[in-house]
Amino acid sequence: MQVFLTGGTGFVGREVIRRLRAAGHAIRLLVRKPDGRKVRESVSRFGAEVCVGDVLNPDSLEAGVRGADAVIHLVGIISEAGRSTYENVHIQGTENVLAAGRKAGIKRFVHMSALGTRPGAVARYHRSKWDAEEAVRKSGLVYTIFRPSLIYGPEDQFVNLFARLIRWSPVLPVLMNGPARFAPIPVETAAQAFVRALSEPKDIGQTYDLCGSESFTLEEILDQILSVMGRKRLKVYIPLGLARAQAAVFEFVFPRLLRVSPPLNRDQLIMLQEGNVGEPRPAQQLFGLEEAPFRKGIAQYLRPSVT
């Protein structure tokens, strides 16, 4: 199968590429910068074909989808900067890819949304993801939608963020986010679902949660990371109001002065308050997904070290 992949240079996308190659699919990769290290690796190791374009530029998508059998659409952002807003990337970008897919007559469309997505969500991130889902459902294409929880793995920006703090700081900040719980899923498992969905007729027109069977509070996740790393740290509990004020400053300073997305924003705080759990069994059973315990999973890339 010829698969057109968006978001292939991201953390999840690189694992999807590995799985596509292992399953014998041909890969056509949408990229904005064709000379990057990750793009070169995808070409040399996995035989990916590169198409230069941007989901915000509809004309740049036509060559990529032409002759493709399927699209896996992974593009998304967690923070905004410049033109890369939730509305532009998640909604308009998805609509552009859908339109190109319809014109090219693709047979399957597999879409990455997010756990917690729903109509009337408090977070703009989740609202934009819901609107993107609605565009997929109304597109007339044969689709499958996945809603991942926190995805972890060797190159993630969640577990590794806290691991870096633990390595270099004697204190560990902990957001006071109440009883909210999270159900992390390994990147290998998430990627496996996207690839297997391409050839599974029972998933057509369906939406699946992609999350782990275990759930943890944020502090419990930090305790797991500390334990695996063999470290002890003084925890400093951050009131939500203080975190909101800091996030508001980041949202103002980083995009305007540094031209990059902020490391923390108020939408992320809303989602941390809400938690991130779902129903993993339908996807596990249909796609035969295997899942290692969270502790065992992070132990594969976090190593104990002497303090």
Protein backbone atom coordinates (compact mmCIF):
# COMPACT_ATOMS: atom_id res chain seq x y z
CA MET A 1 0.00 0.00 0.00
CA GLN A 2 1.24 3.52 -0.82
CA VAL A 3 0.78 5.62 2.34
CA PHE A 4 0.97 9.41 2.48
CA LEU A 5 2.09 10.39 5.98
CA THR A 6 1.86 13.82 7.61
CA GLY A 7 3.72 14.52 10.84
CA GLY A 8 6.27 11.86 10.01
CA THR A 9 9.23 13.73 11.50
CA GLY A 10 7.58 13.89 14.93
CA PHE A 11 8.01 11.55 17.87
CA VAL A 12 5.03 9.35 16.94
CA GLY A 13 5.56 9.74 13.22
CA ARG A 14 9.05 8.26 13.26
CA GLU A 15 7.75 5.12 14.96
CA VAL A 16 4.87 4.93 12.47
CA ILE A 17 7.43 5.03 9.65
CA ARG A 18 9.30 2.09 11.19
CA ARG A 19 6.06 0.11 11.49
CA LEU A 20 4.93 0.96 7.97
CA ARG A 21 8.24 -0.23 6.55
CA ALA A 22 8.10 -3.43 8.60
CA ALA A 23 4.59 -4.10 7.26
CA GLY A 24 5.80 -3.70 3.67
CA HIS A 25 4.07 -0.40 2.88
CA ALA A 26 5.57 2.29 0.65
CA ILE A 27 5.93 5.62 2.46
CA ARG A 28 5.44 9.09 1.05
CA LEU A 29 6.43 11.69 3.63
CA LEU A 30 5.16 15.29 3.78
CA VAL A 31 7.90 17.61 5.07
CA ARG A 32 8.51 21.34 5.18
CA LYS A 33 12.30 21.08 5.36
CA PRO A 34 13.68 18.21 3.25
CA ASP A 35 17.29 18.58 4.40
CA GLY A 36 16.73 17.78 8.10
CA ARG A 37 18.44 14.84 9.80
CA LYS A 38 15.17 13.05 10.54
CA VAL A 39 14.06 13.32 6.93
CA ARG A 40 17.40 11.99 5.64
CA GLU A 41 17.16 9.07 8.06
CA SER A 42 13.63 8.24 6.88
CA VAL A 43 14.87 8.15 3.29
CA SER A 44 18.07 6.18 3.91
CA ARG A 45 16.77 3.66 6.47
CA PHE A 46 13.15 3.21 5.43
CA GLY A 47 13.05 4.17 1.76
CA ALA A 48 10.59 7.01 2.28
CA GLU A 49 9.75 9.27 -0.63
CA VAL A 50 9.84 12.96 0.31
CA CYS A 51 7.18 15.47 -0.71
CA VAL A 52 7.88 19.08 0.25
CA GLY A 53 4.76 20.83 1.48
CA ASP A 54 2.72 22.14 4.37
CA VAL A 55 -0.76 21.22 5.59
CA LEU A 56 -1.54 24.96 5.61
CA ASN A 57 -0.78 25.18 1.87
CA PRO A 58 -3.41 23.12 0.01
CA ASP A 59 -1.62 23.28 -3.33
CA SER A 60 1.47 21.66 -1.84
CA LEU A 61 -0.46 18.51 -0.89
CA GLU A 62 -1.63 17.41 -4.31
CA ALA A 63 1.59 15.73 -5.44
CA GLY A 64 1.87 13.81 -2.17
CA VAL A 65 -1.58 12.24 -2.25
CA ARG A 66 -1.63 11.61 -6.00
CA GLY A 67 -1.57 7.84 -6.48
CA ALA A 68 -1.59 7.13 -2.74
CA ASP A 69 -3.85 4.41 -1.34
CA ALA A 70 -4.11 5.82 2.18
CA VAL A 71 -3.33 8.82 4.36
CA ILE A 72 -2.16 8.72 7.97
CA HIS A 73 -2.61 12.23 9.33
CA LEU A 74 -0.55 12.88 12.47
CA VAL A 75 0.17 16.61 12.29
CA GLY A 76 -0.64 18.44 15.51
CA ILE A 77 0.73 20.98 17.96
CA ILE A 78 0.53 21.29 21.74
CA SER A 79 1.54 24.97 21.87
CA GLU A 80 0.96 27.85 19.48
CA ALA A 81 3.37 30.24 17.76
CA GLY A 82 2.84 32.49 14.74
CA ARG A 83 0.61 30.89 12.10
CA SER A 84 0.77 27.58 13.94
CA THR A 85 -2.42 27.99 15.95
CA TYR A 86 -4.75 25.20 17.05
CA GLU A 87 -7.38 26.41 14.60
CA ASN A 88 -4.97 26.61 11.68
CA VAL A 89 -3.06 23.37 12.21
CA HIS A 90 -5.74 21.10 13.65
CA ILE A 91 -8.82 22.30 11.78
CA GLN A 92 -7.72 24.01 8.57
CA GLY A 93 -4.75 21.70 8.13
CA THR A 94 -6.96 18.63 8.48
CA GLU A 95 -9.54 20.05 6.08
CA ASN A 96 -6.79 20.70 3.53
CA VAL A 97 -5.48 17.13 3.75
CA LEU A 98 -9.02 15.73 3.52
CA ALA A 99 -9.76 17.81 0.43
CA ALA A 100 -6.56 16.63 -1.23
CA GLY A 101 -7.40 13.05 -0.30
CA ARG A 102 -10.89 13.27 -1.79
CA LYS A 103 -9.52 14.71 -5.01
CA ALA A 104 -6.94 11.92 -5.26
CA GLY A 105 -9.49 9.20 -4.45
CA ILE A 106 -7.63 7.70 -1.48
CA LYS A 107 -9.12 4.53 0.01
CA ARG A 108 -8.35 4.98 3.72
CA PHE A 109 -7.83 7.97 6.05
CA VAL A 110 -6.40 7.35 9.53
CA HIS A 111 -6.50 10.39 11.79
CA MET A 112 -4.74 11.19 15.07
CA SER A 113 -6.91 13.15 17.48
CA ALA A 114 -6.44 13.27 21.27
CA LEU A 115 -7.98 11.66 24.33
CA GLY A 116 -10.34 14.10 26.01
CA THR A 117 -11.53 15.58 22.71
CA ARG A 118 -15.24 16.41 22.89
CA PRO A 119 -17.74 19.10 21.95
CA GLY A 120 -17.75 22.02 24.36
CA ALA A 121 -14.37 21.14 25.87
CA VAL A 122 -12.80 23.74 28.15
CA ALA A 123 -9.39 23.59 26.46
CA ARG A 124 -9.10 25.20 23.02
CA TYR A 125 -6.76 22.37 22.10
CA HIS A 126 -9.52 19.80 22.64
CA ARG A 127 -12.15 21.95 20.91
CA SER A 128 -9.95 22.27 17.82
CA LYS A 129 -9.33 18.54 17.83
CA TRP A 130 -13.10 17.93 18.00
CA ASP A 131 -13.70 20.21 15.01
CA ALA A 132 -11.01 18.31 13.11
CA GLU A 133 -12.70 15.01 13.96
CA GLU A 134 -16.00 16.38 12.70
CA ALA A 135 -14.34 17.34 9.43
CA VAL A 136 -13.07 13.77 9.08
CA ARG A 137 -16.48 12.29 9.84
CA LYS A 138 -18.17 14.52 7.25
CA SER A 139 -15.49 14.10 4.60
CA GLY A 140 -17.03 11.18 2.75
CA LEU A 141 -13.73 9.27 3.07
CA VAL A 142 -13.32 5.84 4.65
CA TYR A 143 -11.81 6.83 7.98
CA THR A 144 -10.60 5.67 11.39
CA ILE A 145 -9.92 8.07 14.27
CA PHE A 146 -7.56 7.42 17.18
CA ARG A 147 -7.49 9.41 20.42
CA PRO A 148 -4.15 8.78 22.15
CA SER A 149 -3.45 9.52 25.79
CA LEU A 150 0.04 10.57 26.90
CA ILE A 151 2.44 8.75 24.59
CA TYR A 152 5.82 7.85 26.02
CA GLY A 153 9.05 6.48 24.58
CA PRO A 154 12.76 7.20 24.16
CA GLU A 155 12.19 10.53 22.39
CA ASP A 156 9.06 11.77 24.21
CA GLN A 157 8.73 15.27 25.64
CA PHE A 158 6.92 14.23 28.81
CA VAL A 159 8.80 11.53 30.71
CA ASN A 160 12.13 12.82 29.39
CA LEU A 161 11.32 16.37 30.49
CA PHE A 162 10.94 15.26 34.09
CA ALA A 163 13.94 12.94 33.80
CA ARG A 164 16.11 15.92 32.82
CA LEU A 165 14.81 17.91 35.77
CA ILE A 166 15.56 14.99 38.07
CA ARG A 167 19.11 14.66 36.75
CA TRP A 168 20.03 18.32 37.12
CA SER A 169 17.89 19.75 39.90
CA PRO A 170 17.81 18.91 43.62
CA VAL A 171 14.10 19.78 43.71
CA LEU A 172 11.20 18.50 41.60
CA PRO A 173 8.21 20.78 40.94
CA VAL A 174 4.84 19.02 41.21
CA LEU A 175 1.68 20.69 39.98
CA MET A 176 -1.16 20.52 42.48
CA ASN A 177 -3.70 19.17 39.97
CA GLY A 178 -5.91 17.23 42.37
CA PRO A 179 -7.09 13.67 41.67
CA ALA A 180 -6.71 13.78 37.87
CA ARG A 181 -5.36 10.53 36.44
CA PHE A 182 -3.50 9.63 33.26
CA ALA A 183 -3.18 6.40 31.24
CA PRO A 184 0.12 6.56 29.33
CA ILE A 185 0.67 4.39 26.27
CA PRO A 186 3.98 3.30 24.67
CA VAL A 187 4.77 4.90 21.32
CA GLU A 188 5.31 1.45 19.82
CA THR A 189 1.75 0.43 20.73
CA ALA A 190 0.24 3.65 19.38
CA ALA A 191 2.13 3.34 16.09
CA GLN A 192 1.10 -0.30 15.78
CA ALA A 193 -2.56 0.74 15.94
CA PHE A 194 -2.20 3.33 13.17
CA VAL A 195 -0.53 0.89 10.82
CA ARG A 196 -2.87 -2.04 11.50
CA ALA A 197 -5.89 0.22 10.98
CA LEU A 198 -4.99 0.49 7.29
CA SER A 199 -6.06 -3.08 6.59
CA GLU A 200 -8.74 -3.70 9.24
CA PRO A 201 -12.28 -3.45 7.81
CA LYS A 202 -13.96 -3.52 11.22
CA ASP A 203 -12.48 -0.15 12.20
CA ILE A 204 -14.08 1.80 9.35
CA GLY A 205 -15.99 4.83 10.63
CA GLN A 206 -14.92 4.16 14.22
CA THR A 207 -13.15 6.21 16.90
CA TYR A 208 -10.85 4.50 19.40
CA ASP A 209 -9.14 5.54 22.61
CA LEU A 210 -5.43 4.72 22.62
CA CYS A 211 -4.38 4.54 26.25
CA GLY A 212 -2.83 2.23 28.78
CA SER A 213 -4.62 -0.13 31.15
CA GLU A 214 -2.82 1.44 34.11
CA SER A 215 -3.66 4.92 35.37
CA PHE A 216 -1.64 7.28 37.57
CA THR A 217 -1.86 10.71 39.09
CA LEU A 218 0.82 13.12 37.91
CA GLU A 219 2.69 12.67 41.18
CA GLU A 220 2.54 8.90 40.83
CA ILE A 221 4.08 9.20 37.37
CA LEU A 222 6.90 11.30 38.82
CA ASP A 223 7.40 8.71 41.58
CA GLN A 224 7.71 5.98 38.93
CA ILE A 225 10.33 8.02 37.07
CA LEU A 226 12.27 8.69 40.28
CA SER A 227 12.19 5.02 41.21
CA VAL A 228 13.39 3.81 37.81
CA MET A 229 16.21 6.35 37.85
CA GLY A 230 17.16 5.46 41.40
CA ARG A 231 16.86 9.07 42.54
CA LYS A 232 15.27 10.92 45.43
CA ARG A 233 14.30 14.55 45.10
CA LEU A 234 12.65 17.16 47.26
CA LYS A 235 9.18 17.81 45.84
CA VAL A 236 7.98 21.39 45.64
CA TYR A 237 4.22 21.63 45.17
CA ILE A 238 3.12 24.37 42.74
CA PRO A 239 -0.35 25.91 43.30
CA LEU A 240 -2.47 25.95 40.17
CA GLY A 241 -2.92 29.74 40.31
CA LEU A 242 0.83 30.29 40.27
CA ALA A 243 1.24 27.87 37.38
CA ARG A 244 -1.46 29.71 35.42
CA ALA A 245 0.28 33.04 35.93
CA GLN A 246 3.58 31.56 34.77
CA ALA A 247 1.93 29.99 31.73
CA ALA A 248 0.34 33.32 30.77
CA VAL A 249 3.76 34.99 30.86
CA PHE A 250 5.26 32.19 28.74
CA GLU A 251 2.44 32.53 26.19
CA PHE A 252 3.21 36.24 25.82
CA VAL A 253 7.01 36.14 25.84
CA PHE A 254 8.00 33.05 23.85
CA PRO A 255 6.03 33.59 20.60
CA ARG A 256 6.61 37.35 20.49
CA LEU A 257 10.22 37.64 21.55
CA LEU A 258 11.72 34.21 20.82
CA ARG A 259 9.45 33.23 17.89
CA VAL A 260 8.90 29.76 19.37
CA SER A 261 6.00 28.08 21.12
CA PRO A 262 5.98 28.33 24.94
CA PRO A 263 7.12 25.38 27.07
CA LEU A 264 3.92 25.66 29.12
CA ASN A 265 0.53 27.15 28.32
CA ARG A 266 -2.84 27.51 30.03
CA ASP A 267 -4.48 24.90 27.82
CA GLN A 268 -1.96 22.34 29.02
CA LEU A 269 -2.81 23.19 32.61
CA ILE A 270 -6.51 22.70 31.90
CA MET A 271 -5.77 19.27 30.44
CA LEU A 272 -3.57 18.34 33.40
CA GLN A 273 -6.46 19.22 35.70
CA GLU A 274 -8.90 17.10 33.70
CA GLY A 275 -6.73 14.03 33.49
CA ASN A 276 -6.41 11.72 30.51
CA VAL A 277 -7.96 8.26 30.81
CA GLY A 278 -10.16 6.29 28.46
CA GLU A 279 -11.29 2.82 27.45
CA PRO A 280 -8.32 0.87 26.03
CA ARG A 281 -9.97 -2.51 25.42
CA PRO A 282 -11.74 -1.96 22.06
CA ALA A 283 -8.50 -0.95 20.31
CA GLN A 284 -6.45 -3.57 22.15
CA GLN A 285 -8.78 -6.37 21.13
CA LEU A 286 -9.37 -5.35 17.51
CA PHE A 287 -5.76 -4.54 16.63
CA GLY A 288 -4.06 -7.08 18.91
CA LEU A 289 -2.14 -4.38 20.74
CA GLU A 290 0.42 -5.45 23.30
CA GLU A 291 1.24 -3.26 26.26
CA ALA A 292 4.09 -3.41 28.77
CA PRO A 293 3.65 -1.96 32.28
CA PHE A 294 4.52 1.73 32.41
CA ARG A 295 7.45 1.16 34.77
CA LYS A 296 8.95 -1.51 32.52
CA GLY A 297 8.43 0.69 29.46
CA ILE A 298 10.24 3.74 30.80
CA ALA A 299 12.99 1.56 32.30
CA GLN A 300 14.04 0.70 28.75
CA TYR A 301 15.28 4.24 28.16
CA LEU A 302 15.74 5.73 31.64
CA ARG A 303 18.78 4.33 33.38
CA PRO A 304 19.73 4.60 37.05
CA SER A 305 22.76 6.78 37.70
CA VAL A 306 24.78 7.89 40.69
CA THR A 307 23.58 11.15 42.29
